[in-house]
């Protein structure tokens, strides 16, 4: 993905922490934007250093949006 971005534009960010990357995408999205979060699908774990750790992406996304609503941040 990074290779394709380099050929298209130099304006991109690399965020290694998946939760923080999702938070960043949600926070920078505008009303007409589509956020694509590829990779985990239905997996309920994230693997780091060959160790599987529980991780529910749907819960992460829900919690980030709820946090924005509680802080009265505009969502889109």
C-alpha atoms as a PDB file:
ATOM      1  CA  UNK A   1       0.000   0.000   0.000  1.00  0.00           C
ATOM      2  CA  UNK A   2       2.811   2.388   0.894  1.00  0.00           C
ATOM      3  CA  UNK A   3       4.391   1.860  -2.547  1.00  0.00           C
ATOM      4  CA  UNK A   4       1.162   2.869  -4.314  1.00  0.00           C
ATOM      5  CA  UNK A   5       0.785   5.942  -2.144  1.00  0.00           C
ATOM      6  CA  UNK A   6       4.314   7.084  -2.940  1.00  0.00           C
ATOM      7  CA  UNK A   7       3.543   7.038  -6.649  1.00  0.00           C
ATOM      8  CA  UNK A   8       0.224   8.865  -6.197  1.00  0.00           C
ATOM      9  CA  UNK A   9       1.088  11.458  -3.560  1.00  0.00           C
ATOM     10  CA  UNK A  10       3.541  12.300  -0.830  1.00  0.00           C
ATOM     11  CA  UNK A  11       0.757  13.192   1.604  1.00  0.00           C
ATOM     12  CA  UNK A  12       0.177  10.213   3.858  1.00  0.00           C
ATOM     13  CA  UNK A  13       0.800   9.113   7.429  1.00  0.00           C
ATOM     14  CA  UNK A  14       2.067   5.818   8.773  1.00  0.00           C
ATOM     15  CA  UNK A  15       0.619   4.917  12.165  1.00  0.00           C
ATOM     16  CA  UNK A  16       1.753   1.542  13.458  1.00  0.00           C
ATOM     17  CA  UNK A  17      -0.733   1.292  16.327  1.00  0.00           C
ATOM     18  CA  UNK A  18      -3.947   0.032  14.706  1.00  0.00           C
ATOM     19  CA  UNK A  19      -6.284   1.661  17.233  1.00  0.00           C
ATOM     20  CA  UNK A  20      -4.552   5.019  16.893  1.00  0.00           C
ATOM     21  CA  UNK A  21      -4.630   4.702  13.094  1.00  0.00           C
ATOM     22  CA  UNK A  22      -8.387   4.092  13.195  1.00  0.00           C
ATOM     23  CA  UNK A  23      -8.823   7.037  15.583  1.00  0.00           C
ATOM     24  CA  UNK A  24      -6.792   9.250  13.230  1.00  0.00           C
ATOM     25  CA  UNK A  25      -8.895   8.222  10.212  1.00  0.00           C
ATOM     26  CA  UNK A  26     -12.181   8.844  12.026  1.00  0.00           C
ATOM     27  CA  UNK A  27     -11.013  12.213  13.343  1.00  0.00           C
ATOM     28  CA  UNK A  28      -9.866  13.484   9.959  1.00  0.00           C
ATOM     29  CA  UNK A  29     -12.848  12.207   7.959  1.00  0.00           C
ATOM     30  CA  UNK A  30     -15.350  14.600   6.438  1.00  0.00           C
ATOM     31  CA  UNK A  31     -19.057  14.036   5.858  1.00  0.00           C
ATOM     32  CA  UNK A  32     -18.668  12.599   2.349  1.00  0.00           C
ATOM     33  CA  UNK A  33     -15.556  10.513   3.082  1.00  0.00           C
ATOM     34  CA  UNK A  34     -15.424   6.738   3.174  1.00  0.00           C
ATOM     35  CA  UNK A  35     -13.053   5.122   5.661  1.00  0.00           C
ATOM     36  CA  UNK A  36     -11.651   1.760   4.593  1.00  0.00           C
ATOM     37  CA  UNK A  37     -10.085  -0.328   7.337  1.00  0.00           C
ATOM     38  CA  UNK A  38      -8.522  -3.343   5.607  1.00  0.00           C
ATOM     39  CA  UNK A  39      -6.842  -6.306   7.154  1.00  0.00           C
ATOM     40  CA  UNK A  40      -8.534  -8.031  10.085  1.00  0.00           C
ATOM     41  CA  UNK A  41     -11.994  -8.763   8.780  1.00  0.00           C
ATOM     42  CA  UNK A  42     -13.785 -11.039  11.234  1.00  0.00           C
ATOM     43  CA  UNK A  43     -10.666 -11.904  13.236  1.00  0.00           C
ATOM     44  CA  UNK A  44     -11.007 -11.174  16.934  1.00  0.00           C
ATOM     45  CA  UNK A  45      -7.296 -10.905  17.547  1.00  0.00           C
ATOM     46  CA  UNK A  46      -4.307  -8.903  16.430  1.00  0.00           C
ATOM     47  CA  UNK A  47      -0.923 -10.557  16.086  1.00  0.00           C
ATOM     48  CA  UNK A  48       2.271  -8.921  17.302  1.00  0.00           C
ATOM     49  CA  UNK A  49       5.623 -10.699  17.499  1.00  0.00           C
ATOM     50  CA  UNK A  50       3.895 -14.004  16.619  1.00  0.00           C
ATOM     51  CA  UNK A  51       1.575 -13.687  19.631  1.00  0.00           C
ATOM     52  CA  UNK A  52      -2.189 -13.316  19.190  1.00  0.00           C
ATOM     53  CA  UNK A  53      -3.829 -10.658  21.382  1.00  0.00           C
ATOM     54  CA  UNK A  54      -7.624 -10.197  21.708  1.00  0.00           C
ATOM     55  CA  UNK A  55      -8.775  -7.319  19.505  1.00  0.00           C
ATOM     56  CA  UNK A  56     -12.268  -6.526  18.300  1.00  0.00           C
ATOM     57  CA  UNK A  57     -12.131  -3.864  15.604  1.00  0.00           C
ATOM     58  CA  UNK A  58     -15.882  -3.264  15.730  1.00  0.00           C
ATOM     59  CA  UNK A  59     -15.646  -2.474  19.444  1.00  0.00           C
ATOM     60  CA  UNK A  60     -12.676  -0.174  18.854  1.00  0.00           C
ATOM     61  CA  UNK A  61     -14.560   1.778  16.171  1.00  0.00           C
ATOM     62  CA  UNK A  62     -17.692   1.971  18.333  1.00  0.00           C
ATOM     63  CA  UNK A  63     -15.716   3.204  21.345  1.00  0.00           C
ATOM     64  CA  UNK A  64     -13.919   5.899  19.336  1.00  0.00           C
ATOM     65  CA  UNK A  65     -17.202   7.224  17.951  1.00  0.00           C
ATOM     66  CA  UNK A  66     -18.846   7.104  21.393  1.00  0.00           C
ATOM     67  CA  UNK A  67     -15.884   9.016  22.824  1.00  0.00           C
ATOM     68  CA  UNK A  68     -16.319  11.699  20.164  1.00  0.00           C
ATOM     69  CA  UNK A  69     -20.035  11.964  20.932  1.00  0.00           C
ATOM     70  CA  UNK A  70     -19.429  12.254  24.673  1.00  0.00           C
ATOM     71  CA  UNK A  71     -16.858  14.992  24.053  1.00  0.00           C
ATOM     72  CA  UNK A  72     -19.409  16.699  21.803  1.00  0.00           C
ATOM     73  CA  UNK A  73     -16.999  16.519  18.867  1.00  0.00           C
ATOM     74  CA  UNK A  74     -18.654  16.868  15.516  1.00  0.00           C
ATOM     75  CA  UNK A  75     -18.896  13.578  13.703  1.00  0.00           C
ATOM     76  CA  UNK A  76     -18.914  14.388  10.011  1.00  0.00           C
END
